[in-house]
Protein backbone atom coordinates (compact mmCIF):
# COMPACT_ATOMS: atom_id res chain seq x y z
CA MET A 1 0.06 0.12 -0.18
CA ARG A 2 2.82 2.17 1.00
CA ASN A 3 4.42 1.81 -3.15
CA ASN A 4 1.10 3.05 -4.61
CA ALA A 5 0.76 5.96 -2.16
CA PHE A 6 4.43 7.04 -2.98
CA ILE A 7 3.63 6.25 -6.30
CA VAL A 8 1.01 8.49 -6.68
CA VAL A 9 2.23 11.41 -4.89
CA LEU A 10 5.54 11.46 -7.36
CA SER A 11 2.68 11.36 -10.09
CA LEU A 12 1.59 14.34 -9.33
CA LEU A 13 4.48 16.04 -8.40
CA ILE A 14 5.22 15.68 -11.92
CA GLN A 15 2.29 15.74 -14.09
CA GLY A 16 0.55 18.51 -12.13
CA PRO A 17 3.48 21.62 -12.87
CA ILE A 18 3.92 19.49 -15.98
CA ALA A 19 -0.28 20.35 -16.97
CA ILE A 20 -0.23 23.78 -15.66
CA PHE A 21 2.56 25.13 -17.53
CA ILE A 22 0.97 23.62 -20.69
CA ALA A 23 -2.28 25.19 -19.45
CA LEU A 24 -0.46 28.51 -18.90
CA LEU A 25 1.15 28.30 -22.42
CA MET A 26 -2.31 27.67 -24.26
CA ILE A 27 -3.56 30.76 -22.99
CA SER A 28 -0.52 32.43 -23.22
CA ASN A 29 0.53 35.53 -26.10
CA VAL A 30 3.67 33.81 -26.70
CA PRO A 31 3.93 33.24 -30.09
CA THR A 32 4.53 29.92 -31.72
CA TYR A 33 4.22 27.87 -35.50
CA SER A 34 1.38 27.58 -36.81
CA TRP A 35 0.24 24.35 -39.29
CA SER A 36 -1.02 27.24 -41.31
CA SER A 37 1.63 29.03 -42.11
CA ILE A 38 3.57 26.55 -43.55
CA ARG A 39 3.85 26.26 -47.56
CA ILE A 40 5.39 22.75 -48.93
CA ARG A 41 6.96 22.84 -52.42
CA ARG A 42 5.75 20.75 -55.07
CA SER A 43 8.31 19.14 -55.18
CA TRP A 44 8.63 18.44 -51.71
CA ARG A 45 4.82 17.54 -51.06
CA LEU A 46 5.50 12.95 -51.49
CA PHE A 47 8.24 13.57 -49.32
CA ALA A 48 5.94 15.43 -46.45
CA LEU A 49 3.41 12.86 -47.13
CA ALA A 50 5.67 9.94 -46.05
CA GLY A 51 6.85 11.92 -42.91
CA VAL A 52 3.17 12.50 -41.86
CA ALA A 53 2.96 8.84 -42.78
CA LEU A 54 5.64 7.91 -40.91
CA LEU A 55 4.39 10.15 -37.77
CA GLY A 56 1.23 7.83 -37.77
CA SER A 57 2.84 4.82 -37.42
CA ALA A 58 4.63 5.95 -34.73
CA LEU A 59 2.28 7.17 -32.71
CA LEU A 60 0.18 3.43 -33.62
CA THR A 61 3.52 1.59 -32.15
CA GLU A 62 5.20 3.94 -29.55
CA PRO A 63 2.71 6.41 -28.38
CA TRP A 64 4.01 8.33 -25.42
CA MET A 65 8.41 8.37 -27.24
CA THR A 66 6.44 9.76 -29.76
CA LEU A 67 4.81 12.00 -28.14
CA LEU A 68 7.15 12.90 -25.88
CA ALA A 69 9.67 13.82 -29.24
CA ILE A 70 6.78 16.29 -30.96
CA SER A 71 6.53 18.11 -27.19
CA THR A 72 10.65 17.73 -27.24
CA ILE A 73 10.57 20.02 -30.52
CA TYR A 74 7.11 21.98 -30.08
CA LEU A 75 9.71 23.06 -27.31
CA VAL A 76 12.47 23.95 -28.76
CA MET A 77 11.62 25.81 -31.69
CA ILE A 78 9.08 28.50 -29.24
CA PRO A 79 12.15 31.10 -28.91
CA PHE A 80 12.76 30.59 -32.88
CA ALA A 81 9.17 31.64 -33.30
CA ILE A 82 9.98 33.93 -30.66
CA ALA A 83 12.97 35.64 -32.11
CA SER A 84 10.29 35.35 -36.09
CA TYR A 85 7.67 37.27 -34.45
CA ALA A 86 9.95 39.84 -33.52
CA LYS A 87 11.58 40.37 -36.47
CA VAL A 88 8.04 41.09 -38.23
CA ARG A 89 7.24 43.05 -35.16
CA ARG A 90 10.03 45.12 -36.33
CA ARG A 91 9.46 45.14 -40.40
CA ARG A 92 5.77 46.38 -39.25
CA GLU A 93 6.44 48.61 -36.11
CA ALA A 94 9.21 50.59 -39.02
CA PRO A 95 7.72 54.16 -41.39
CA ALA A 96 7.78 52.80 -44.37
CA ALA A 97 9.65 55.57 -46.71
CA PRO A 98 7.53 57.88 -49.02
CA ALA A 99 7.68 56.65 -52.93
CA PRO A 100 8.52 59.56 -54.91
CA ARG A 101 6.04 60.70 -56.89
CA ALA A 102 6.98 60.40 -60.50
CA GLY A 103 7.71 63.67 -62.29
CA LEU A 104 9.44 65.42 -59.60
CA ARG A 105 13.38 65.06 -58.17
CA PRO A 106 15.02 66.30 -55.30
CA ALA A 107 15.55 68.79 -54.05
CA PRO A 108 19.58 69.57 -54.87
CA LEU A 109 21.67 70.26 -51.33
């Protein structure tokens, strides 16, 4: 009986913070990559389909290891997504230089 209680407490100490961290990520404003932003070239579509098939077979044969790998890759990609979004935000905030009107030349200095 004592061994089962230890396992329950240990699993709560491990799974509780993970669940809270995931819940905070779900409601946060942390930028992440989305599936809608992925554009696959026509020459790579067959390879991408094969990769999805391999991922599906891995989920069927070794679900926990596959989910661990997917989650790890996702967490590793978050800093890259933040940096990418910062670059996009800087481009948006940069004032656009006005285009010169046709027929007008800048005055010489």
